[in-house]
PDB file of all heavy atoms in Angstrom:
ATOM      1  N   TRP A   1       2.572   0.922  -0.636  1.00  0.00           N
ATOM      2  CA  TRP A   1       2.013   0.152   0.460  1.00  0.00           C
ATOM      3  C   TRP A   1       0.899  -0.754  -0.064  1.00  0.00           C
ATOM      4  O   TRP A   1       0.489  -0.658  -1.219  1.00  0.00           O
ATOM      5  CB  TRP A   1       1.463   1.080   1.554  1.00  0.00           C
ATOM      6  CG  TRP A   1       0.576   2.189   1.063  1.00  0.00           C
ATOM      7  CD1 TRP A   1       0.967   3.422   0.628  1.00  0.00           C
ATOM      8  CD2 TRP A   1      -0.852   2.157   0.926  1.00  0.00           C
ATOM      9  NE1 TRP A   1      -0.121   4.165   0.247  1.00  0.00           N
ATOM     10  CE2 TRP A   1      -1.250   3.419   0.429  1.00  0.00           C
ATOM     11  CE3 TRP A   1      -1.830   1.201   1.202  1.00  0.00           C
ATOM     12  CZ2 TRP A   1      -2.590   3.727   0.167  1.00  0.00           C
ATOM     13  CZ3 TRP A   1      -3.165   1.500   0.960  1.00  0.00           C
ATOM     14  CH2 TRP A   1      -3.525   2.763   0.450  1.00  0.00           C
ATOM     15  N   LEU A   2       0.436  -1.642   0.795  1.00  0.00           N
ATOM     16  CA  LEU A   2      -0.732  -2.475   0.530  1.00  0.00           C
ATOM     17  C   LEU A   2      -1.660  -2.389   1.734  1.00  0.00           C
ATOM     18  O   LEU A   2      -1.247  -1.980   2.820  1.00  0.00           O
ATOM     19  CB  LEU A   2      -0.317  -3.936   0.305  1.00  0.00           C
ATOM     20  CG  LEU A   2       0.372  -4.270  -1.019  1.00  0.00           C
ATOM     21  CD1 LEU A   2       1.010  -5.657  -0.953  1.00  0.00           C
ATOM     22  CD2 LEU A   2      -0.624  -4.212  -2.190  1.00  0.00           C
ATOM     23  N   PHE A   3      -2.898  -2.771   1.563  1.00  0.00           N
ATOM     24  CA  PHE A   3      -3.804  -2.834   2.701  1.00  0.00           C
ATOM     25  C   PHE A   3      -3.190  -3.744   3.761  1.00  0.00           C
ATOM     26  O   PHE A   3      -2.824  -4.887   3.480  1.00  0.00           O
ATOM     27  CB  PHE A   3      -5.169  -3.374   2.284  1.00  0.00           C
ATOM     28  CG  PHE A   3      -5.883  -2.533   1.260  1.00  0.00           C
ATOM     29  CD1 PHE A   3      -6.444  -3.115   0.137  1.00  0.00           C
ATOM     30  CD2 PHE A   3      -6.007  -1.160   1.428  1.00  0.00           C
ATOM     31  CE1 PHE A   3      -7.110  -2.359  -0.809  1.00  0.00           C
ATOM     32  CE2 PHE A   3      -6.669  -0.381   0.480  1.00  0.00           C
ATOM     33  CZ  PHE A   3      -7.221  -0.989  -0.638  1.00  0.00           C
ATOM     34  N   SER A   4      -3.099  -3.246   4.977  1.00  0.00           N
ATOM     35  CA  SER A   4      -2.368  -3.962   6.022  1.00  0.00           C
ATOM     36  C   SER A   4      -3.020  -5.276   6.413  1.00  0.00           C
ATOM     37  O   SER A   4      -2.351  -6.169   6.942  1.00  0.00           O
ATOM     38  CB  SER A   4      -2.222  -3.077   7.262  1.00  0.00           C
ATOM     39  OG  SER A   4      -3.487  -2.725   7.785  1.00  0.00           O
ATOM     40  N   GLU A   5      -4.309  -5.423   6.149  1.00  0.00           N
ATOM     41  CA  GLU A   5      -5.014  -6.631   6.572  1.00  0.00           C
ATOM     42  C   GLU A   5      -4.941  -7.766   5.559  1.00  0.00           C
ATOM     43  O   GLU A   5      -5.441  -8.867   5.822  1.00  0.00           O
ATOM     44  CB  GLU A   5      -6.484  -6.298   6.857  1.00  0.00           C
ATOM     45  CG  GLU A   5      -6.677  -5.340   8.034  1.00  0.00           C
ATOM     46  CD  GLU A   5      -6.180  -5.932   9.333  1.00  0.00           C
ATOM     47  OE1 GLU A   5      -6.865  -6.787   9.904  1.00  0.00           O
ATOM     48  OE2 GLU A   5      -5.077  -5.529   9.767  1.00  0.00           O
ATOM     49  N   ILE A   6      -4.322  -7.540   4.401  1.00  0.00           N
ATOM     50  CA  ILE A   6      -4.145  -8.641   3.444  1.00  0.00           C
ATOM     51  C   ILE A   6      -3.239  -9.686   4.075  1.00  0.00           C
ATOM     52  O   ILE A   6      -2.177  -9.353   4.598  1.00  0.00           O
ATOM     53  CB  ILE A   6      -3.535  -8.132   2.122  1.00  0.00           C
ATOM     54  CG1 ILE A   6      -4.490  -7.137   1.441  1.00  0.00           C
ATOM     55  CG2 ILE A   6      -3.230  -9.295   1.175  1.00  0.00           C
ATOM     56  CD1 ILE A   6      -3.910  -6.491   0.192  1.00  0.00           C
ATOM     57  N   PRO A   7      -3.615 -10.966   4.067  1.00  0.00           N
ATOM     58  CA  PRO A   7      -2.791 -12.009   4.689  1.00  0.00           C
ATOM     59  C   PRO A   7      -1.375 -12.023   4.125  1.00  0.00           C
ATOM     60  O   PRO A   7      -1.162 -11.773   2.933  1.00  0.00           O
ATOM     61  CB  PRO A   7      -3.538 -13.304   4.350  1.00  0.00           C
ATOM     62  CG  PRO A   7      -4.961 -12.876   4.127  1.00  0.00           C
ATOM     63  CD  PRO A   7      -4.872 -11.505   3.514  1.00  0.00           C
ATOM     64  N   ALA A   8      -0.421 -12.332   4.998  1.00  0.00           N
ATOM     65  CA  ALA A   8       1.002 -12.287   4.623  1.00  0.00           C
ATOM     66  C   ALA A   8       1.301 -13.165   3.425  1.00  0.00           C
ATOM     67  O   ALA A   8       2.097 -12.794   2.553  1.00  0.00           O
ATOM     68  CB  ALA A   8       1.863 -12.693   5.819  1.00  0.00           C
ATOM     69  N   GLU A   9       0.669 -14.341   3.354  1.00  0.00           N
ATOM     70  CA  GLU A   9       0.963 -15.249   2.251  1.00  0.00           C
ATOM     71  C   GLU A   9       0.500 -14.690   0.916  1.00  0.00           C
ATOM     72  O   GLU A   9       1.072 -15.003  -0.137  1.00  0.00           O
ATOM     73  CB  GLU A   9       0.335 -16.619   2.496  1.00  0.00           C
ATOM     74  CG  GLU A   9      -1.176 -16.640   2.630  1.00  0.00           C
ATOM     75  CD  GLU A   9      -1.656 -16.386   4.057  1.00  0.00           C
ATOM     76  OE1 GLU A   9      -0.868 -15.880   4.881  1.00  0.00           O
ATOM     77  OE2 GLU A   9      -2.833 -16.701   4.327  1.00  0.00           O
ATOM     78  N   GLU A  10      -0.531 -13.843   0.931  1.00  0.00           N
ATOM     79  CA  GLU A  10      -0.982 -13.205  -0.301  1.00  0.00           C
ATOM     80  C   GLU A  10      -0.164 -11.958  -0.608  1.00  0.00           C
ATOM     81  O   GLU A  10       0.133 -11.673  -1.768  1.00  0.00           O
ATOM     82  CB  GLU A  10      -2.467 -12.850  -0.203  1.00  0.00           C
ATOM     83  CG  GLU A  10      -3.390 -14.057  -0.161  1.00  0.00           C
ATOM     84  CD  GLU A  10      -4.847 -13.653  -0.262  1.00  0.00           C
ATOM     85  OE1 GLU A  10      -5.208 -12.961  -1.228  1.00  0.00           O
ATOM     86  OE2 GLU A  10      -5.613 -14.028   0.645  1.00  0.00           O
ATOM     87  N   ARG A  11       0.179 -11.207   0.423  1.00  0.00           N
ATOM     88  CA  ARG A  11       0.965  -9.989   0.236  1.00  0.00           C
ATOM     89  C   ARG A  11       2.280 -10.276  -0.473  1.00  0.00           C
ATOM     90  O   ARG A  11       2.765  -9.471  -1.271  1.00  0.00           O
ATOM     91  CB  ARG A  11       1.260  -9.344   1.586  1.00  0.00           C
ATOM     92  CG  ARG A  11       0.063  -8.786   2.299  1.00  0.00           C
ATOM     93  CD  ARG A  11       0.415  -8.381   3.728  1.00  0.00           C
ATOM     94  NE  ARG A  11       1.357  -7.285   3.763  1.00  0.00           N
ATOM     95  CZ  ARG A  11       1.020  -6.006   3.737  1.00  0.00           C
ATOM     96  NH1 ARG A  11      -0.259  -5.677   3.680  1.00  0.00           N
ATOM     97  NH2 ARG A  11       1.932  -5.056   3.779  1.00  0.00           N
ATOM     98  N   ALA A  12       2.881 -11.442  -0.175  1.00  0.00           N
ATOM     99  CA  ALA A  12       4.189 -11.774  -0.736  1.00  0.00           C
ATOM    100  C   ALA A  12       4.174 -11.805  -2.257  1.00  0.00           C
ATOM    101  O   ALA A  12       5.195 -11.548  -2.903  1.00  0.00           O
ATOM    102  CB  ALA A  12       4.660 -13.116  -0.182  1.00  0.00           C
ATOM    103  N   GLY A  13       3.022 -12.091  -2.847  1.00  0.00           N
ATOM    104  CA  GLY A  13       2.945 -12.188  -4.296  1.00  0.00           C
ATOM    105  C   GLY A  13       2.385 -10.961  -4.978  1.00  0.00           C
ATOM    106  O   GLY A  13       2.147 -10.983  -6.191  1.00  0.00           O
ATOM    107  N   LEU A  14       2.169  -9.881  -4.211  1.00  0.00           N
ATOM    108  CA  LEU A  14       1.555  -8.680  -4.759  1.00  0.00           C
ATOM    109  C   LEU A  14       2.568  -7.548  -4.906  1.00  0.00           C
ATOM    110  O   LEU A  14       3.480  -7.414  -4.088  1.00  0.00           O
ATOM    111  CB  LEU A  14       0.416  -8.206  -3.860  1.00  0.00           C
ATOM    112  CG  LEU A  14      -0.776  -9.151  -3.694  1.00  0.00           C
ATOM    113  CD1 LEU A  14      -1.755  -8.591  -2.665  1.00  0.00           C
ATOM    114  CD2 LEU A  14      -1.473  -9.378  -5.024  1.00  0.00           C
ATOM    115  N   THR A  15       2.386  -6.753  -5.938  1.00  0.00           N
ATOM    116  CA  THR A  15       3.173  -5.530  -6.099  1.00  0.00           C
ATOM    117  C   THR A  15       2.514  -4.426  -5.282  1.00  0.00           C
ATOM    118  O   THR A  15       1.309  -4.190  -5.416  1.00  0.00           O
ATOM    119  CB  THR A  15       3.223  -5.099  -7.569  1.00  0.00           C
ATOM    120  OG1 THR A  15       3.809  -6.141  -8.340  1.00  0.00           O
ATOM    121  CG2 THR A  15       4.032  -3.816  -7.735  1.00  0.00           C
ATOM    122  N   PRO A  16       3.244  -3.756  -4.397  1.00  0.00           N
ATOM    123  CA  PRO A  16       2.636  -2.687  -3.597  1.00  0.00           C
ATOM    124  C   PRO A  16       2.004  -1.610  -4.477  1.00  0.00           C
ATOM    125  O   PRO A  16       2.444  -1.358  -5.607  1.00  0.00           O
ATOM    126  CB  PRO A  16       3.822  -2.128  -2.803  1.00  0.00           C
ATOM    127  CG  PRO A  16       4.781  -3.267  -2.721  1.00  0.00           C
ATOM    128  CD  PRO A  16       4.657  -3.985  -4.036  1.00  0.00           C
ATOM    129  N   PHE A  17       0.959  -0.992  -3.957  1.00  0.00           N
ATOM    130  CA  PHE A  17       0.365   0.142  -4.641  1.00  0.00           C
ATOM    131  C   PHE A  17       1.410   1.244  -4.808  1.00  0.00           C
ATOM    132  O   PHE A  17       2.292   1.415  -3.971  1.00  0.00           O
ATOM    133  CB  PHE A  17      -0.802   0.720  -3.836  1.00  0.00           C
ATOM    134  CG  PHE A  17      -1.915  -0.244  -3.570  1.00  0.00           C
ATOM    135  CD1 PHE A  17      -2.456  -0.355  -2.295  1.00  0.00           C
ATOM    136  CD2 PHE A  17      -2.428  -1.051  -4.573  1.00  0.00           C
ATOM    137  CE1 PHE A  17      -3.485  -1.229  -2.027  1.00  0.00           C
ATOM    138  CE2 PHE A  17      -3.458  -1.934  -4.320  1.00  0.00           C
ATOM    139  CZ  PHE A  17      -3.980  -2.034  -3.039  1.00  0.00           C
ATOM    140  N   SER A  18       1.287   1.978  -5.901  1.00  0.00           N
ATOM    141  CA  SER A  18       2.148   3.125  -6.176  1.00  0.00           C
ATOM    142  C   SER A  18       1.263   4.367  -6.162  1.00  0.00           C
ATOM    143  O   SER A  18       0.562   4.649  -7.134  1.00  0.00           O
ATOM    144  CB  SER A  18       2.828   2.939  -7.537  1.00  0.00           C
ATOM    145  OG  SER A  18       3.593   4.049  -7.885  1.00  0.00           O
ATOM    146  N   VAL A  19       1.266   5.069  -5.027  1.00  0.00           N
ATOM    147  CA  VAL A  19       0.266   6.106  -4.781  1.00  0.00           C
ATOM    148  C   VAL A  19       0.900   7.498  -4.807  1.00  0.00           C
ATOM    149  O   VAL A  19       1.673   7.849  -3.910  1.00  0.00           O
ATOM    150  CB  VAL A  19      -0.426   5.877  -3.423  1.00  0.00           C
ATOM    151  CG1 VAL A  19      -1.459   6.973  -3.160  1.00  0.00           C
ATOM    152  CG2 VAL A  19      -1.071   4.500  -3.381  1.00  0.00           C
ATOM    153  N   PRO A  20       0.579   8.314  -5.818  1.00  0.00           N
ATOM    154  CA  PRO A  20       1.052   9.704  -5.802  1.00  0.00           C
ATOM    155  C   PRO A  20       0.393  10.443  -4.643  1.00  0.00           C
ATOM    156  O   PRO A  20      -0.803  10.303  -4.406  1.00  0.00           O
ATOM    157  CB  PRO A  20       0.567  10.263  -7.144  1.00  0.00           C
ATOM    158  CG  PRO A  20       0.228   9.064  -7.973  1.00  0.00           C
ATOM    159  CD  PRO A  20      -0.206   8.012  -7.013  1.00  0.00           C
ATOM    160  N   ARG A  21       1.183  11.221  -3.927  1.00  0.00           N
ATOM    161  CA  ARG A  21       0.624  11.953  -2.795  1.00  0.00           C
ATOM    162  C   ARG A  21       1.149  13.376  -2.792  1.00  0.00           C
ATOM    163  O   ARG A  21       2.343  13.604  -2.964  1.00  0.00           O
ATOM    164  CB  ARG A  21       0.973  11.268  -1.479  1.00  0.00           C
ATOM    165  CG  ARG A  21       0.326  11.981  -0.292  1.00  0.00           C
ATOM    166  CD  ARG A  21       0.467  11.233   0.996  1.00  0.00           C
ATOM    167  NE  ARG A  21       0.035  12.091   2.095  1.00  0.00           N
ATOM    168  CZ  ARG A  21       0.448  11.980   3.337  1.00  0.00           C
ATOM    169  NH1 ARG A  21       1.294  11.027   3.660  1.00  0.00           N
ATOM    170  NH2 ARG A  21       0.015  12.798   4.255  1.00  0.00           N
ATOM    171  N   PHE A  22       0.215  14.299  -2.614  1.00  0.00           N
ATOM    172  CA  PHE A  22       0.533  15.716  -2.660  1.00  0.00           C
ATOM    173  C   PHE A  22       0.070  16.345  -1.341  1.00  0.00           C
ATOM    174  O   PHE A  22      -0.997  16.945  -1.258  1.00  0.00           O
ATOM    175  CB  PHE A  22      -0.143  16.355  -3.873  1.00  0.00           C
ATOM    176  CG  PHE A  22       0.184  15.634  -5.161  1.00  0.00           C
ATOM    177  CD1 PHE A  22      -0.681  14.683  -5.683  1.00  0.00           C
ATOM    178  CD2 PHE A  22       1.386  15.862  -5.810  1.00  0.00           C
ATOM    179  CE1 PHE A  22      -0.371  14.000  -6.849  1.00  0.00           C
ATOM    180  CE2 PHE A  22       1.710  15.177  -6.979  1.00  0.00           C
ATOM    181  CZ  PHE A  22       0.831  14.247  -7.498  1.00  0.00           C
ATOM    182  N   HIS A  23       0.884  16.137  -0.322  1.00  0.00           N
ATOM    183  CA  HIS A  23       0.566  16.642   1.014  1.00  0.00           C
ATOM    184  C   HIS A  23       0.535  18.160   1.020  1.00  0.00           C
ATOM    185  O   HIS A  23       1.390  18.825   0.422  1.00  0.00           O
ATOM    186  CB  HIS A  23       1.623  16.149   2.015  1.00  0.00           C
ATOM    187  CG  HIS A  23       1.589  16.859   3.331  1.00  0.00           C
ATOM    188  ND1 HIS A  23       0.593  16.662   4.260  1.00  0.00           N
ATOM    189  CD2 HIS A  23       2.422  17.799   3.875  1.00  0.00           C
ATOM    190  CE1 HIS A  23       0.818  17.424   5.318  1.00  0.00           C
ATOM    191  NE2 HIS A  23       1.914  18.123   5.116  1.00  0.00           N
ATOM    192  N   ARG A  24      -0.475  18.702   1.683  1.00  0.00           N
ATOM    193  CA  ARG A  24      -0.576  20.139   1.892  1.00  0.00           C
ATOM    194  C   ARG A  24      -0.859  20.384   3.375  1.00  0.00           C
ATOM    195  O   ARG A  24      -1.550  19.601   4.025  1.00  0.00           O
ATOM    196  CB  ARG A  24      -1.717  20.746   1.056  1.00  0.00           C
ATOM    197  CG  ARG A  24      -1.635  20.435  -0.441  1.00  0.00           C
ATOM    198  CD  ARG A  24      -0.478  21.151  -1.115  1.00  0.00           C
ATOM    199  NE  ARG A  24      -0.433  20.879  -2.553  1.00  0.00           N
ATOM    200  CZ  ARG A  24       0.462  20.094  -3.146  1.00  0.00           C
ATOM    201  NH1 ARG A  24       1.409  19.499  -2.416  1.00  0.00           N
ATOM    202  NH2 ARG A  24       0.441  19.900  -4.447  1.00  0.00           N
ATOM    203  N   THR A  25      -0.336  21.473   3.913  1.00  0.00           N
ATOM    204  CA  THR A  25      -0.625  21.810   5.305  1.00  0.00           C
ATOM    205  C   THR A  25      -2.096  22.196   5.440  1.00  0.00           C
ATOM    206  O   THR A  25      -2.787  22.486   4.444  1.00  0.00           O
ATOM    207  CB  THR A  25       0.242  22.979   5.778  1.00  0.00           C
ATOM    208  OG1 THR A  25      -0.140  24.165   5.052  1.00  0.00           O
ATOM    209  CG2 THR A  25       1.730  22.697   5.594  1.00  0.00           C
ATOM    210  N   LEU A  26      -2.576  22.233   6.669  1.00  0.00           N
ATOM    211  CA  LEU A  26      -3.957  22.653   6.903  1.00  0.00           C
ATOM    212  C   LEU A  26      -4.161  24.092   6.423  1.00  0.00           C
ATOM    213  O   LEU A  26      -5.200  24.422   5.839  1.00  0.00           O
ATOM    214  CB  LEU A  26      -4.295  22.526   8.392  1.00  0.00           C
ATOM    215  CG  LEU A  26      -5.740  22.832   8.785  1.00  0.00           C
ATOM    216  CD1 LEU A  26      -6.717  21.923   8.066  1.00  0.00           C
ATOM    217  CD2 LEU A  26      -5.914  22.714  10.297  1.00  0.00           C
TER     218      LEU A  26
END
């Protein structure tokens, strides 16, 4: 994903973040 507020014209030229996520229950 990318920060949602980045303008569309800039987002088009960016590689989305690659974020490892290790979800755990509460």
